[in-house]
N, C-alpha and C. Protein backbone atom coordinates (compact mmCIF):
# COMPACT_ATOMS: atom_id res chain seq x y z
N MET A 1 -70.62 -0.96 7.28
CA MET A 1 -71.90 -1.23 6.68
C MET A 1 -72.83 -1.82 7.74
N LEU A 2 -74.05 -1.36 7.75
CA LEU A 2 -75.07 -1.84 8.69
C LEU A 2 -75.99 -2.79 7.94
N ARG A 3 -76.25 -3.95 8.55
CA ARG A 3 -77.13 -4.93 7.92
C ARG A 3 -78.20 -5.37 8.91
N LEU A 4 -79.32 -5.78 8.36
CA LEU A 4 -80.42 -6.26 9.17
C LEU A 4 -81.07 -7.43 8.44
N HIS A 5 -81.29 -8.50 9.16
CA HIS A 5 -82.00 -9.65 8.60
C HIS A 5 -83.35 -9.73 9.30
N ALA A 6 -84.42 -9.67 8.52
CA ALA A 6 -85.76 -9.73 9.08
C ALA A 6 -86.67 -10.46 8.10
N ARG A 7 -87.69 -11.12 8.65
CA ARG A 7 -88.60 -11.85 7.77
C ARG A 7 -89.43 -10.87 6.95
N GLU A 8 -89.89 -11.34 5.82
CA GLU A 8 -90.67 -10.54 4.88
C GLU A 8 -91.90 -9.94 5.56
N GLY A 9 -92.17 -8.67 5.30
CA GLY A 9 -93.35 -7.99 5.82
C GLY A 9 -93.18 -7.41 7.21
N LEU A 10 -92.02 -7.59 7.81
CA LEU A 10 -91.79 -7.10 9.17
C LEU A 10 -91.44 -5.61 9.20
N ILE A 11 -90.75 -5.14 8.18
CA ILE A 11 -90.27 -3.76 8.15
C ILE A 11 -90.94 -2.98 7.02
N ASP A 12 -91.45 -1.79 7.36
CA ASP A 12 -91.95 -0.86 6.36
C ASP A 12 -90.72 -0.16 5.80
N GLU A 13 -90.28 -0.56 4.62
CA GLU A 13 -89.03 -0.05 4.06
C GLU A 13 -89.10 1.43 3.71
N ALA A 14 -90.27 1.95 3.41
CA ALA A 14 -90.41 3.37 3.08
C ALA A 14 -90.15 4.24 4.31
N ARG A 15 -90.64 3.81 5.46
CA ARG A 15 -90.48 4.59 6.69
C ARG A 15 -89.39 4.04 7.60
N MET A 16 -88.87 2.82 7.29
CA MET A 16 -87.86 2.16 8.10
C MET A 16 -88.35 1.94 9.53
N HIS A 17 -89.59 1.49 9.65
CA HIS A 17 -90.20 1.17 10.94
C HIS A 17 -90.56 -0.30 11.00
N VAL A 18 -90.46 -0.88 12.18
CA VAL A 18 -90.85 -2.26 12.40
C VAL A 18 -92.34 -2.29 12.72
N ASP A 19 -93.07 -3.18 12.08
CA ASP A 19 -94.50 -3.37 12.36
C ASP A 19 -94.62 -4.24 13.61
N LEU A 20 -94.94 -3.64 14.74
CA LEU A 20 -94.98 -4.37 16.01
C LEU A 20 -96.07 -5.43 16.05
N ASP A 21 -97.15 -5.24 15.28
CA ASP A 21 -98.20 -6.27 15.24
C ASP A 21 -97.71 -7.53 14.54
N VAL A 22 -96.78 -7.39 13.63
CA VAL A 22 -96.22 -8.53 12.90
C VAL A 22 -95.00 -9.09 13.63
N TYR A 23 -94.25 -8.24 14.32
CA TYR A 23 -92.97 -8.62 14.94
C TYR A 23 -93.14 -9.67 16.03
N ARG A 24 -94.00 -9.41 17.00
CA ARG A 24 -94.25 -10.33 18.12
C ARG A 24 -92.96 -10.91 18.73
N PRO A 25 -92.13 -10.06 19.32
CA PRO A 25 -90.85 -10.53 19.85
C PRO A 25 -91.01 -11.39 21.10
N ILE A 26 -90.00 -12.19 21.38
CA ILE A 26 -89.92 -12.93 22.63
C ILE A 26 -88.58 -12.58 23.27
N GLY A 27 -88.51 -12.75 24.58
CA GLY A 27 -87.27 -12.46 25.29
C GLY A 27 -86.84 -13.67 26.11
N ARG A 28 -85.55 -13.94 26.12
CA ARG A 28 -85.04 -15.05 26.91
C ARG A 28 -84.85 -14.60 28.35
N LEU A 29 -85.35 -15.36 29.28
CA LEU A 29 -85.21 -15.05 30.69
C LEU A 29 -83.95 -15.72 31.24
N PHE A 30 -83.99 -17.01 31.40
CA PHE A 30 -82.84 -17.81 31.84
C PHE A 30 -83.17 -19.27 31.59
N GLY A 31 -82.14 -20.09 31.52
CA GLY A 31 -82.37 -21.51 31.27
C GLY A 31 -83.20 -21.72 30.02
N ASN A 32 -84.28 -22.47 30.15
CA ASN A 32 -85.19 -22.71 29.03
C ASN A 32 -86.43 -21.85 29.09
N LEU A 33 -86.42 -20.78 29.86
CA LEU A 33 -87.60 -19.92 30.02
C LEU A 33 -87.53 -18.70 29.11
N TYR A 34 -88.64 -18.42 28.46
CA TYR A 34 -88.78 -17.28 27.56
C TYR A 34 -90.05 -16.53 27.93
N ALA A 35 -90.15 -15.27 27.51
CA ALA A 35 -91.34 -14.47 27.78
C ALA A 35 -91.82 -13.83 26.49
N ALA A 36 -93.13 -13.90 26.24
CA ALA A 36 -93.72 -13.23 25.09
C ALA A 36 -93.84 -11.74 25.42
N GLN A 37 -93.55 -10.91 24.45
CA GLN A 37 -93.63 -9.46 24.64
C GLN A 37 -94.88 -8.94 23.92
N ARG A 38 -96.00 -8.96 24.62
CA ARG A 38 -97.27 -8.60 23.99
C ARG A 38 -97.64 -7.13 24.21
N ASP A 39 -97.30 -6.58 25.34
CA ASP A 39 -97.67 -5.20 25.67
C ASP A 39 -96.54 -4.25 25.31
N THR A 40 -96.89 -3.09 24.76
CA THR A 40 -95.90 -2.06 24.48
C THR A 40 -96.32 -0.77 25.19
N PHE A 41 -95.35 0.04 25.52
CA PHE A 41 -95.62 1.34 26.12
C PHE A 41 -94.44 2.25 25.83
N ALA A 42 -94.67 3.54 25.93
CA ALA A 42 -93.63 4.54 25.69
C ALA A 42 -93.12 5.03 27.04
N LEU A 43 -91.84 5.21 27.14
CA LEU A 43 -91.22 5.71 28.35
C LEU A 43 -90.33 6.88 27.98
N ALA A 44 -90.74 8.09 28.40
CA ALA A 44 -89.95 9.28 28.07
C ALA A 44 -88.63 9.23 28.83
N ARG A 45 -87.54 9.49 28.12
CA ARG A 45 -86.22 9.49 28.74
C ARG A 45 -85.63 10.88 28.68
N GLU A 46 -84.96 11.26 29.75
CA GLU A 46 -84.32 12.56 29.74
C GLU A 46 -82.93 12.45 29.11
N SER A 47 -82.48 13.54 28.52
CA SER A 47 -81.16 13.56 27.91
C SER A 47 -80.11 13.66 29.01
N HIS A 48 -78.86 13.45 28.65
CA HIS A 48 -77.77 13.58 29.62
C HIS A 48 -77.72 15.00 30.18
N ALA A 49 -77.93 16.00 29.33
CA ALA A 49 -77.92 17.39 29.78
C ALA A 49 -79.06 17.65 30.77
N GLN A 50 -80.23 17.09 30.51
CA GLN A 50 -81.35 17.25 31.44
C GLN A 50 -81.05 16.57 32.77
N TRP A 51 -80.44 15.40 32.72
CA TRP A 51 -80.09 14.69 33.94
C TRP A 51 -79.08 15.49 34.75
N LEU A 52 -78.04 16.01 34.09
CA LEU A 52 -77.04 16.81 34.80
C LEU A 52 -77.67 18.03 35.46
N ALA A 53 -78.57 18.70 34.73
CA ALA A 53 -79.23 19.87 35.29
C ALA A 53 -80.05 19.49 36.52
N ARG A 54 -80.71 18.33 36.47
CA ARG A 54 -81.53 17.89 37.60
C ARG A 54 -80.67 17.52 38.80
N VAL A 55 -79.62 16.73 38.61
CA VAL A 55 -78.82 16.28 39.74
C VAL A 55 -77.91 17.35 40.29
N ASN A 56 -77.56 18.33 39.47
CA ASN A 56 -76.69 19.41 39.93
C ASN A 56 -77.47 20.65 40.32
N GLY A 57 -78.78 20.59 40.29
CA GLY A 57 -79.59 21.74 40.65
C GLY A 57 -79.34 22.93 39.73
N GLY A 58 -79.06 22.65 38.45
CA GLY A 58 -78.81 23.71 37.50
C GLY A 58 -77.34 23.99 37.30
N ASN A 59 -76.46 23.48 38.18
CA ASN A 59 -75.02 23.66 38.02
C ASN A 59 -74.53 22.60 37.04
N ASN A 60 -74.35 22.96 35.80
CA ASN A 60 -74.00 22.01 34.74
C ASN A 60 -72.48 21.89 34.61
N ALA A 61 -71.76 21.82 35.72
CA ALA A 61 -70.29 21.79 35.71
C ALA A 61 -69.74 20.49 35.17
N GLY A 62 -70.49 19.44 35.13
CA GLY A 62 -70.00 18.19 34.57
C GLY A 62 -70.43 16.99 35.35
N GLU A 63 -69.96 16.82 36.57
CA GLU A 63 -70.28 15.63 37.35
C GLU A 63 -71.39 15.93 38.35
N PRO A 64 -72.14 14.92 38.75
CA PRO A 64 -73.19 15.11 39.77
C PRO A 64 -72.58 15.64 41.06
N SER A 65 -73.40 16.34 41.82
CA SER A 65 -72.92 16.98 43.04
C SER A 65 -72.58 16.00 44.15
N GLY A 66 -73.07 14.77 44.06
CA GLY A 66 -72.78 13.77 45.08
C GLY A 66 -73.72 13.82 46.27
N GLU A 67 -74.68 14.72 46.24
CA GLU A 67 -75.63 14.82 47.33
C GLU A 67 -76.59 13.64 47.29
N SER A 68 -76.91 13.10 48.46
CA SER A 68 -77.87 12.00 48.55
C SER A 68 -79.26 12.56 48.46
N GLN A 69 -80.13 11.80 47.79
CA GLN A 69 -81.53 12.26 47.69
C GLN A 69 -82.43 11.32 48.41
């Protein structure tokens, strides 16, 4: 079973999305230092198959070719 505890109004239950304007997360750095996470951005990620194709030059045999780039 998957559970989530969140304050009221944080999650749009119909779409199951977190409202980032309400969320305002913070991140722990080290010791007593924390960082506010105010800026958001999208970062496109390649799939494992795309990565293999790129590093193997199209040879999708399984492991990277080991060539230095």
